Amino acid sequence: MKRRSFIGMATAAAVVAAANFGGSMPAFAESKEIVYLTPGLDLPFWRYLSKGVEKIAKDKGYGFQALDSHNSAQEQLKNAQDSIARGVAGIVISPTDSSTAPAVLQLAKEANIPVVIADIGTNSGDYVSFIISDNYEGANGVGKALGEIMKEKGWQDGSVGIVSISQARKNGQARTKGFKDAITAAGIAGDAGLQQMQSYTADETFKFTQDMLTANPNMRGMFIQTDQPAIGALRAIKAARRTGEVAVAAFDGIPEFVPLLKSGELVVSGMQQPFLMGEKSAEALFTHLEGGAPEKEILVPILVVTSKNIDELLPTVKETVFANEVQ
């Protein structure tokens, strides 16, 4: 379907396309509904962020729907088209990667529907606000903690492997650079390589870890750049009978991490605060809808949670990371 014909039938709001997202004019909307476009609700991080958006939307008396893109740029675009056709009041999007966001932003701009970007980022396009974790500093803190553990154990001559999120995402690039800078500063030069996630599953990372362990017998550290896949790395280390011989660092947070951090099986995780990010995203959107001008970029700090500080940080983690799903 050509964009011109789609936009022509989508919503009366499309006629008012001249409004700029950076201005203070409230967007016209046919419905009181907020939509969240997410890469995949099977990943706890996106589910927790969705709950944050939903909380603020419902507090404001708006309907809410989360649409799962299943890590597909094509499905993401279809979800955006469907939302625009319904004349939603606003969209919060976590893009499948930074290169796929501009197509959604362009459609929304033509329909005069404001968009807030929650994490990942975009290569171009107009949007109301960008809510992002400090991925560089968070990953740098993870690298420092892992480096300290490796030196305490006398493993500084060992190598470190990375299982990364997409390096087409700006947040993925920042995590890799922040971590590598810290490891280099710690004097750890061994490089066991980088494998890039495609399906973001524990089984995928299990295989990546198996391959790294085989190719790098002296691998002593790993950095898994998101939550559930870290469980796959730990399983692979156990299957290879290397438990206690490889220090594993993670990013993001799931309830399973709490006992793993307490036991030391996982030494550190840089936990974004997705529930808080969702709240901040929706708040920025409503500031715009109500005629205000939110900050163009809102930075949310990352909690560097280690085996040593887990008990102290747990009350905060339960609320802002786990969306109060864990008692």
Protein backbone atom coordinates (compact mmCIF):
# COMPACT_ATOMS: atom_id res chain seq x y z
CA MET A 1 0.00 0.00 0.00
CA LYS A 2 1.41 3.40 -0.96
CA ARG A 3 2.00 5.80 1.89
CA ARG A 4 -0.05 8.56 0.23
CA SER A 5 -3.19 6.45 -0.03
CA PHE A 6 -2.72 5.03 3.46
CA ILE A 7 -2.26 8.38 5.11
CA GLY A 8 -5.13 9.79 3.11
CA MET A 9 -7.55 7.34 4.68
CA ALA A 10 -5.88 6.85 8.03
CA THR A 11 -7.14 9.72 10.11
CA ALA A 12 -8.31 13.30 9.87
CA ALA A 13 -5.30 14.21 11.95
CA ALA A 14 -3.09 13.66 8.92
CA VAL A 15 -4.34 16.92 7.43
CA VAL A 16 -2.81 18.84 10.31
CA ALA A 17 0.69 17.62 9.51
CA ALA A 18 2.33 21.02 9.72
CA ALA A 19 2.73 20.96 13.51
CA ASN A 20 6.30 20.36 14.63
CA PHE A 21 6.95 17.89 17.47
CA GLY A 22 9.40 20.32 19.02
CA GLY A 23 6.72 22.98 19.45
CA SER A 24 4.23 23.46 22.24
CA MET A 25 1.04 22.95 20.20
CA PRO A 26 -0.91 19.94 21.52
CA ALA A 27 -1.46 17.16 19.01
CA PHE A 28 -4.94 16.53 17.62
CA ALA A 29 -6.17 13.01 18.31
CA GLU A 30 -9.35 11.14 17.55
CA SER A 31 -9.06 8.77 20.52
CA LYS A 32 -7.82 8.86 24.07
CA GLU A 33 -5.45 5.95 23.60
CA ILE A 34 -1.70 5.61 24.01
CA VAL A 35 0.15 2.85 22.14
CA TYR A 36 3.54 1.38 23.01
CA LEU A 37 5.43 -0.27 20.13
CA THR A 38 7.96 -2.72 21.59
CA PRO A 39 10.57 -5.05 20.05
CA GLY A 40 9.35 -8.08 22.03
CA LEU A 41 7.25 -8.58 25.15
CA ASP A 42 8.90 -11.96 25.73
CA LEU A 43 11.90 -10.03 27.09
CA PRO A 44 11.17 -8.93 30.69
CA PHE A 45 12.81 -5.54 30.16
CA TRP A 46 10.24 -4.49 27.56
CA ARG A 47 7.37 -5.87 29.63
CA TYR A 48 8.45 -3.81 32.66
CA LEU A 49 8.85 -0.68 30.50
CA SER A 50 5.38 -1.28 29.07
CA LYS A 51 3.93 -1.39 32.58
CA GLY A 52 5.46 2.02 33.33
CA VAL A 53 3.87 3.56 30.23
CA GLU A 54 0.55 1.89 31.05
CA LYS A 55 0.52 3.20 34.62
CA ILE A 56 0.84 6.85 33.58
CA ALA A 57 -1.61 6.47 30.67
CA LYS A 58 -4.29 5.00 32.93
CA ASP A 59 -3.59 7.59 35.64
CA LYS A 60 -4.39 10.21 32.98
CA GLY A 61 -7.63 8.45 32.02
CA TYR A 62 -6.36 7.13 28.69
CA GLY A 63 -6.61 3.67 27.17
CA PHE A 64 -3.40 1.74 26.58
CA GLN A 65 -2.20 -1.00 24.27
CA ALA A 66 1.25 -2.58 23.85
CA LEU A 67 1.95 -3.92 20.34
CA ASP A 68 4.71 -6.52 19.98
CA SER A 69 6.94 -6.16 16.90
CA HIS A 70 8.59 -9.58 17.46
CA ASN A 71 11.97 -7.98 16.58
CA SER A 72 10.71 -7.43 13.02
CA ALA A 73 11.00 -4.03 11.34
CA GLN A 74 8.13 -4.99 9.01
CA GLU A 75 5.81 -5.87 11.89
CA GLN A 76 6.84 -2.71 13.73
CA LEU A 77 5.81 -0.62 10.72
CA LYS A 78 2.50 -2.47 10.42
CA ASN A 79 1.79 -1.88 14.13
CA ALA A 80 2.53 1.81 13.61
CA GLN A 81 0.23 1.99 10.58
CA ASP A 82 -2.59 0.28 12.47
CA SER A 83 -2.17 2.68 15.42
CA ILE A 84 -2.16 5.74 13.16
CA ALA A 85 -5.27 4.47 11.37
CA ARG A 86 -7.07 4.37 14.73
CA GLY A 87 -6.08 7.97 15.40
CA VAL A 88 -4.28 7.28 18.69
CA ALA A 89 -3.35 10.25 20.85
CA GLY A 90 0.33 9.35 20.96
CA ILE A 91 2.93 6.65 20.47
CA VAL A 92 5.80 5.50 22.66
CA ILE A 93 8.25 3.37 20.68
CA SER A 94 11.24 1.23 21.54
CA PRO A 95 12.48 0.56 17.99
CA THR A 96 13.68 -2.84 16.80
CA ASP A 97 16.91 -0.95 16.08
CA SER A 98 17.95 2.62 15.43
CA SER A 99 17.77 2.27 11.63
CA THR A 100 14.10 1.16 11.62
CA ALA A 101 12.74 4.04 13.70
CA PRO A 102 12.77 6.80 11.01
CA ALA A 103 10.07 5.08 8.91
CA VAL A 104 7.70 5.04 11.90
CA LEU A 105 8.57 8.61 12.86
CA GLN A 106 7.83 9.83 9.32
CA LEU A 107 4.39 8.19 9.22
CA ALA A 108 3.51 9.59 12.64
CA LYS A 109 4.71 13.08 11.69
CA GLU A 110 2.54 13.09 8.57
CA ALA A 111 -0.45 12.15 10.75
CA ASN A 112 0.48 14.73 13.43
CA ILE A 113 0.72 12.02 16.10
CA PRO A 114 3.47 12.71 18.66
CA VAL A 115 6.08 10.04 19.34
CA VAL A 116 8.34 9.51 22.32
CA ILE A 117 11.29 7.15 21.92
CA ALA A 118 11.96 4.89 24.90
CA ASP A 119 15.45 3.44 24.66
CA ILE A 120 17.47 2.22 21.63
CA GLY A 121 17.28 5.52 19.74
CA THR A 122 16.90 6.56 16.11
CA ASN A 123 19.26 7.46 13.29
CA SER A 124 17.01 10.37 12.20
CA GLY A 125 13.50 11.78 12.35
CA ASP A 126 11.30 14.04 14.47
CA TYR A 127 10.14 13.04 17.94
CA VAL A 128 8.95 14.69 21.14
CA SER A 129 11.50 13.27 23.57
CA PHE A 130 14.07 10.48 23.88
CA ILE A 131 14.22 8.58 27.17
CA ILE A 132 17.48 6.68 27.46
CA SER A 133 19.53 4.96 30.11
CA ASP A 134 23.15 6.03 30.51
CA ASN A 135 24.32 2.91 28.71
CA TYR A 136 27.96 3.94 28.45
CA GLU A 137 28.33 4.72 32.16
CA GLY A 138 26.30 1.68 33.19
CA ALA A 139 28.36 -0.71 31.08
CA ASN A 140 31.54 1.03 32.20
CA GLY A 141 30.53 0.35 35.82
CA VAL A 142 29.90 -3.29 34.94
CA GLY A 143 33.34 -3.52 33.33
CA LYS A 144 35.01 -1.99 36.38
CA ALA A 145 33.29 -4.47 38.71
CA LEU A 146 34.19 -7.44 36.51
CA GLY A 147 37.78 -6.23 36.20
CA GLU A 148 38.10 -5.98 39.98
CA ILE A 149 36.75 -9.51 40.45
CA MET A 150 39.13 -10.93 37.84
CA LYS A 151 42.11 -9.23 39.48
CA GLU A 152 41.04 -10.41 42.95
CA LYS A 153 41.03 -13.97 41.60
CA GLY A 154 44.34 -13.57 39.78
CA TRP A 155 42.65 -13.89 36.38
CA GLN A 156 43.90 -10.64 34.83
CA ASP A 157 45.78 -12.61 32.14
CA GLY A 158 42.58 -14.32 31.05
CA SER A 159 40.38 -13.24 28.15
CA VAL A 160 36.89 -11.71 28.19
CA GLY A 161 34.04 -12.52 25.80
CA ILE A 162 30.99 -10.40 24.95
CA VAL A 163 27.55 -11.53 23.85
CA SER A 164 26.04 -8.26 22.67
CA ILE A 165 22.69 -6.86 21.71
CA SER A 166 22.45 -5.51 18.14
CA GLN A 167 25.33 -3.20 17.37
CA ALA A 168 23.00 -1.39 14.96
CA ARG A 169 21.36 0.01 18.10
CA LYS A 170 22.92 3.10 19.62
CA ASN A 171 22.47 1.63 23.10
CA GLY A 172 24.31 -1.52 22.00
CA GLN A 173 27.22 0.53 20.71
CA ALA A 174 27.38 2.44 24.00
CA ARG A 175 27.32 -0.74 26.11
CA THR A 176 30.16 -2.30 24.16
CA LYS A 177 32.32 0.81 24.27
CA GLY A 178 31.68 1.53 27.96
CA PHE A 179 32.51 -2.04 28.96
CA LYS A 180 35.61 -2.32 26.76
CA ASP A 181 36.97 0.99 28.03
CA ALA A 182 36.68 -0.24 31.64
CA ILE A 183 38.27 -3.63 30.89
CA THR A 184 41.15 -1.94 29.07
CA ALA A 185 41.63 0.47 32.00
CA ALA A 186 41.76 -2.53 34.32
CA GLY A 187 44.70 -3.88 32.34
CA ILE A 188 42.88 -6.90 30.92
CA ALA A 189 43.91 -7.34 27.30
CA GLY A 190 42.65 -10.84 26.45
CA ASP A 191 39.80 -10.76 23.93
CA ALA A 192 37.57 -13.83 23.49
CA GLY A 193 35.52 -12.09 20.81
CA LEU A 194 32.01 -10.70 20.41
CA GLN A 195 28.88 -12.55 19.33
CA GLN A 196 25.81 -10.51 18.39
CA MET A 197 22.34 -11.65 19.44
CA GLN A 198 19.64 -12.21 16.84
CA SER A 199 16.83 -13.93 18.77
CA TYR A 200 17.70 -12.64 22.27
CA THR A 201 17.08 -16.01 23.91
CA ALA A 202 18.89 -18.01 26.58
CA ASP A 203 19.32 -20.89 24.10
CA GLU A 204 21.06 -18.64 21.57
CA THR A 205 23.51 -17.35 24.19
CA PHE A 206 24.04 -20.91 25.49
CA LYS A 207 25.40 -21.80 22.02
CA PHE A 208 27.49 -18.61 21.78
CA THR A 209 29.02 -19.35 25.18
CA GLN A 210 29.77 -22.97 24.28
CA ASP A 211 31.63 -21.77 21.17
CA MET A 212 33.58 -19.15 23.14
CA LEU A 213 34.59 -21.62 25.85
CA THR A 214 35.82 -24.09 23.23
CA ALA A 215 37.76 -21.49 21.23
CA ASN A 216 39.14 -19.68 24.31
CA PRO A 217 40.20 -22.11 27.08
CA ASN A 218 41.62 -19.15 29.02
CA MET A 219 38.36 -17.14 28.98
CA ARG A 220 37.82 -15.89 32.52
CA GLY A 221 35.15 -13.23 32.07
CA MET A 222 31.95 -12.70 30.08
CA PHE A 223 29.62 -9.76 29.53
CA ILE A 224 26.07 -10.62 28.43
CA GLN A 225 24.37 -7.41 27.32
CA THR A 226 20.80 -8.18 28.39
CA ASP A 227 18.91 -10.19 30.99
CA GLN A 228 17.37 -13.56 30.05
CA PRO A 229 20.26 -14.57 27.75
CA ALA A 230 22.64 -14.38 30.73
CA ILE A 231 20.90 -17.49 32.10
CA GLY A 232 21.96 -19.31 28.93
CA ALA A 233 25.59 -18.32 29.51
CA LEU A 234 25.51 -19.66 33.07
CA ARG A 235 23.96 -22.92 31.84
CA ALA A 236 26.70 -23.34 29.24
CA ILE A 237 29.45 -22.72 31.78
CA LYS A 238 27.90 -25.33 34.07
CA ALA A 239 27.54 -27.83 31.20
CA ALA A 240 31.22 -27.34 30.37
CA ARG A 241 32.10 -27.97 34.04
CA ARG A 242 33.63 -24.50 34.27
CA THR A 243 31.46 -23.23 37.16
CA GLY A 244 33.56 -20.95 39.35
CA GLU A 245 36.14 -20.50 36.61
CA VAL A 246 34.43 -17.75 34.56
CA ALA A 247 33.11 -14.51 36.09
CA VAL A 248 29.83 -13.55 34.42
CA ALA A 249 28.56 -9.97 34.17
CA ALA A 250 25.13 -9.07 32.81
CA PHE A 251 22.98 -6.10 31.90
CA ASP A 252 19.36 -5.34 32.79
CA GLY A 253 17.64 -7.31 35.52
CA ILE A 254 15.17 -10.14 36.07
CA PRO A 255 14.04 -11.67 39.39
CA GLU A 256 16.25 -14.74 38.77
CA PHE A 257 19.28 -12.46 39.07
CA VAL A 258 18.69 -11.78 42.78
CA PRO A 259 19.72 -15.22 44.12
CA LEU A 260 22.44 -15.49 41.46
CA LEU A 261 23.99 -12.21 42.62
CA LYS A 262 23.68 -13.20 46.26
CA SER A 263 25.46 -16.50 45.59
CA GLY A 264 28.14 -14.91 43.40
CA GLU A 265 27.27 -17.08 40.38
CA LEU A 266 26.58 -13.73 38.69
CA VAL A 267 29.08 -11.10 39.84
CA VAL A 268 27.43 -7.89 38.55
CA SER A 269 24.55 -6.60 36.47
CA GLY A 270 24.07 -3.08 35.15
CA MET A 271 20.35 -2.78 35.78
CA GLN A 272 18.41 -0.28 33.75
CA GLN A 273 15.23 0.90 35.41
CA PRO A 274 12.63 0.03 32.75
CA PHE A 275 9.52 0.70 34.83
CA LEU A 276 10.86 4.17 35.62
CA MET A 277 11.80 4.66 31.95
CA GLY A 278 8.24 3.78 30.94
CA GLU A 279 6.83 6.29 33.41
CA LYS A 280 9.22 9.02 32.18
CA SER A 281 8.31 8.25 28.55
CA ALA A 282 4.58 8.58 29.16
CA GLU A 283 5.07 11.71 31.30
CA ALA A 284 7.00 13.36 28.44
CA LEU A 285 4.25 12.43 25.98
CA PHE A 286 1.52 13.89 28.20
CA THR A 287 3.54 17.05 28.81
CA HIS A 288 3.45 17.54 25.03
CA LEU A 289 -0.23 16.64 24.70
CA GLU A 290 -1.07 19.16 27.42
CA GLY A 291 0.78 21.95 25.61
CA GLY A 292 4.14 21.78 27.33
CA ALA A 293 7.63 21.16 25.99
CA PRO A 294 9.40 18.20 27.62
CA GLU A 295 13.18 17.89 27.58
CA LYS A 296 14.43 16.55 24.25
CA GLU A 297 16.54 13.90 25.99
CA ILE A 298 15.88 12.46 29.44
CA LEU A 299 18.67 10.36 30.94
CA VAL A 300 17.79 7.64 33.45
CA PRO A 301 20.65 6.29 35.61
CA ILE A 302 21.66 2.62 35.64
CA LEU A 303 22.05 0.71 38.89
CA VAL A 304 25.33 -1.23 39.02
CA VAL A 305 24.21 -4.13 41.22
CA THR A 306 26.89 -6.49 42.54
CA SER A 307 27.11 -9.45 44.88
CA LYS A 308 28.29 -6.95 47.51
CA ASN A 309 25.48 -4.34 47.28
CA ILE A 310 22.44 -6.42 46.22
CA ASP A 311 20.82 -6.36 49.66
CA GLU A 312 21.15 -2.57 49.93
CA LEU A 313 19.73 -1.88 46.45
CA LEU A 314 17.02 -4.55 46.41
CA PRO A 315 14.10 -2.30 47.56
CA THR A 316 14.79 0.12 44.68
CA VAL A 317 15.32 -2.73 42.20
CA LYS A 318 11.95 -4.28 43.06
CA GLU A 319 10.12 -1.06 42.18
CA THR A 320 11.96 0.58 39.29
CA VAL A 321 13.43 -2.52 37.62
CA PHE A 322 10.90 -5.29 38.30
CA ALA A 323 7.76 -3.09 38.15
CA ASN A 324 6.67 -4.32 41.62
CA GLU A 325 6.15 -7.85 40.24
CA VAL A 326 8.50 -9.29 42.87
CA GLN A 327 7.75 -9.23 46.60
